[in-house]
């Protein structure tokens, strides 16, 4: 059974956030191979979003990716592509969206008050 190990770098500014972890798991589940992700002393199952999040892999974190199984060569190619493409993805910050909505509704309220005062 083939075993492939490769050092990868998290290049997304948000690190391996929830959405990126979910996308990683989606790649892992396409294959029969066992996927293990290692950061320092921590080893986790690459098919678990929660396990990946526990690694706290931030921007520029080095991870060891271990893929074991008959389809390991193709799986590793897909993971290499994942890390290359993940670097360019932007995941909006929910707090920023909430702040913008707050500003929008505040402005709407201000306009409404001004309309009432003008009458």
Protein backbone atom coordinates (compact mmCIF):
# COMPACT_ATOMS: atom_id res chain seq x y z
CA UNK A 1 0.00 0.00 0.00
CA UNK A 2 1.62 3.29 -1.11
CA UNK A 3 2.45 5.89 1.54
CA UNK A 4 3.31 9.45 0.54
CA UNK A 5 4.51 12.18 2.90
CA UNK A 6 4.78 15.81 1.94
CA UNK A 7 5.49 19.01 3.82
CA UNK A 8 2.91 21.69 2.94
CA UNK A 9 2.55 25.33 3.94
CA UNK A 10 -0.72 27.04 4.87
CA UNK A 11 -0.65 30.16 2.69
CA UNK A 12 -4.18 31.46 3.20
CA UNK A 13 -4.17 34.60 5.37
CA UNK A 14 -6.99 33.12 7.50
CA UNK A 15 -5.05 29.90 8.04
CA UNK A 16 -6.87 26.59 8.02
CA UNK A 17 -10.17 28.21 9.09
CA UNK A 18 -13.51 26.37 9.30
CA UNK A 19 -14.32 26.82 5.63
CA UNK A 20 -10.84 25.80 4.51
CA UNK A 21 -10.95 22.78 6.85
CA UNK A 22 -14.30 21.75 5.38
CA UNK A 23 -12.86 22.07 1.86
CA UNK A 24 -9.85 19.94 2.92
CA UNK A 25 -12.18 17.25 4.28
CA UNK A 26 -14.12 17.30 1.00
CA UNK A 27 -10.88 16.49 -0.84
CA UNK A 28 -9.99 13.75 1.66
CA UNK A 29 -13.40 12.09 1.32
CA UNK A 30 -12.98 11.71 -2.45
CA UNK A 31 -10.37 9.02 -1.81
CA UNK A 32 -10.11 5.71 0.01
CA UNK A 33 -6.67 6.59 1.35
CA UNK A 34 -6.10 7.37 5.01
CA UNK A 35 -5.16 11.04 5.40
CA UNK A 36 -3.19 12.22 8.42
CA UNK A 37 -2.14 15.79 9.10
CA UNK A 38 0.75 16.46 11.48
CA UNK A 39 1.72 19.73 13.17
CA UNK A 40 4.54 19.35 15.65
CA UNK A 41 3.57 16.55 18.04
CA UNK A 42 -0.10 16.62 17.03
CA UNK A 43 -1.43 14.06 14.51
CA UNK A 44 -5.04 14.28 13.35
CA UNK A 45 -7.41 12.55 10.97
CA UNK A 46 -7.68 14.53 7.73
CA UNK A 47 -11.35 13.58 7.40
CA UNK A 48 -12.40 15.50 10.53
CA UNK A 49 -13.08 19.25 10.45
CA UNK A 50 -12.89 19.45 14.26
CA UNK A 51 -9.56 17.61 14.34
CA UNK A 52 -8.11 19.94 11.70
CA UNK A 53 -9.33 22.99 13.63
CA UNK A 54 -7.64 21.68 16.79
CA UNK A 55 -4.28 22.01 15.00
CA UNK A 56 -4.74 25.81 14.95
CA UNK A 57 -2.87 25.99 11.66
CA UNK A 58 -2.41 29.71 11.03
CA UNK A 59 -0.94 31.53 8.03
CA UNK A 60 2.50 30.13 7.11
CA UNK A 61 2.15 27.07 9.33
CA UNK A 62 4.08 24.06 8.07
CA UNK A 63 2.15 20.79 8.10
CA UNK A 64 3.17 17.25 7.27
CA UNK A 65 0.57 15.56 5.10
CA UNK A 66 0.60 11.75 5.10
CA UNK A 67 -1.57 9.86 2.60
CA UNK A 68 -1.70 6.05 2.73
CA UNK A 69 -3.66 3.89 0.31
CA UNK A 70 -3.98 2.63 -3.23
CA UNK A 71 -5.08 6.03 -4.52
CA UNK A 72 -2.46 7.97 -2.52
CA UNK A 73 -0.61 9.40 -5.57
CA UNK A 74 -3.78 11.00 -6.99
CA UNK A 75 -4.92 12.10 -3.54
CA UNK A 76 -1.60 13.85 -2.91
CA UNK A 77 -1.87 15.63 -6.26
CA UNK A 78 -5.32 16.89 -5.27
CA UNK A 79 -4.03 18.05 -1.86
CA UNK A 80 -1.13 19.89 -3.52
CA UNK A 81 -3.66 21.61 -5.77
CA UNK A 82 -5.84 22.36 -2.73
CA UNK A 83 -3.01 24.12 -0.88
CA UNK A 84 -2.01 26.07 -3.99
CA UNK A 85 -5.57 27.25 -4.67
CA UNK A 86 -6.46 27.79 -1.00
CA UNK A 87 -3.78 30.47 -0.76
CA UNK A 88 -5.75 32.75 -3.07
CA UNK A 89 -9.22 32.27 -1.53
CA UNK A 90 -10.81 35.00 0.53
CA UNK A 91 -13.16 34.12 3.35
CA UNK A 92 -15.08 37.15 4.59
CA UNK A 93 -14.99 37.86 8.29
CA UNK A 94 -18.48 37.51 9.77
CA UNK A 95 -17.78 40.35 12.22
CA UNK A 96 -17.02 42.69 9.32
CA UNK A 97 -20.30 41.75 7.63
CA UNK A 98 -22.21 42.36 10.88
CA UNK A 99 -20.51 45.75 11.25
CA UNK A 100 -21.47 46.76 7.71
CA UNK A 101 -25.07 45.69 8.32
CA UNK A 102 -25.10 47.74 11.52
CA UNK A 103 -23.84 50.80 9.67
CA UNK A 104 -26.42 50.28 6.91
CA UNK A 105 -29.35 50.01 9.32
CA UNK A 106 -28.05 52.96 11.32
CA UNK A 107 -28.02 55.08 8.16
CA UNK A 108 -31.54 53.91 7.26
CA UNK A 109 -32.74 54.93 10.73
CA UNK A 110 -31.05 58.32 10.38
CA UNK A 111 -32.72 58.92 7.00
CA UNK A 112 -36.08 57.93 8.46
CA UNK A 113 -35.66 60.35 11.38
CA UNK A 114 -34.65 63.15 9.00
CA UNK A 115 -37.71 62.49 6.82
CA UNK A 116 -39.97 62.71 9.87
CA UNK A 117 -38.33 65.98 11.01
CA UNK A 118 -38.57 67.58 7.57
CA UNK A 119 -42.36 67.10 7.43
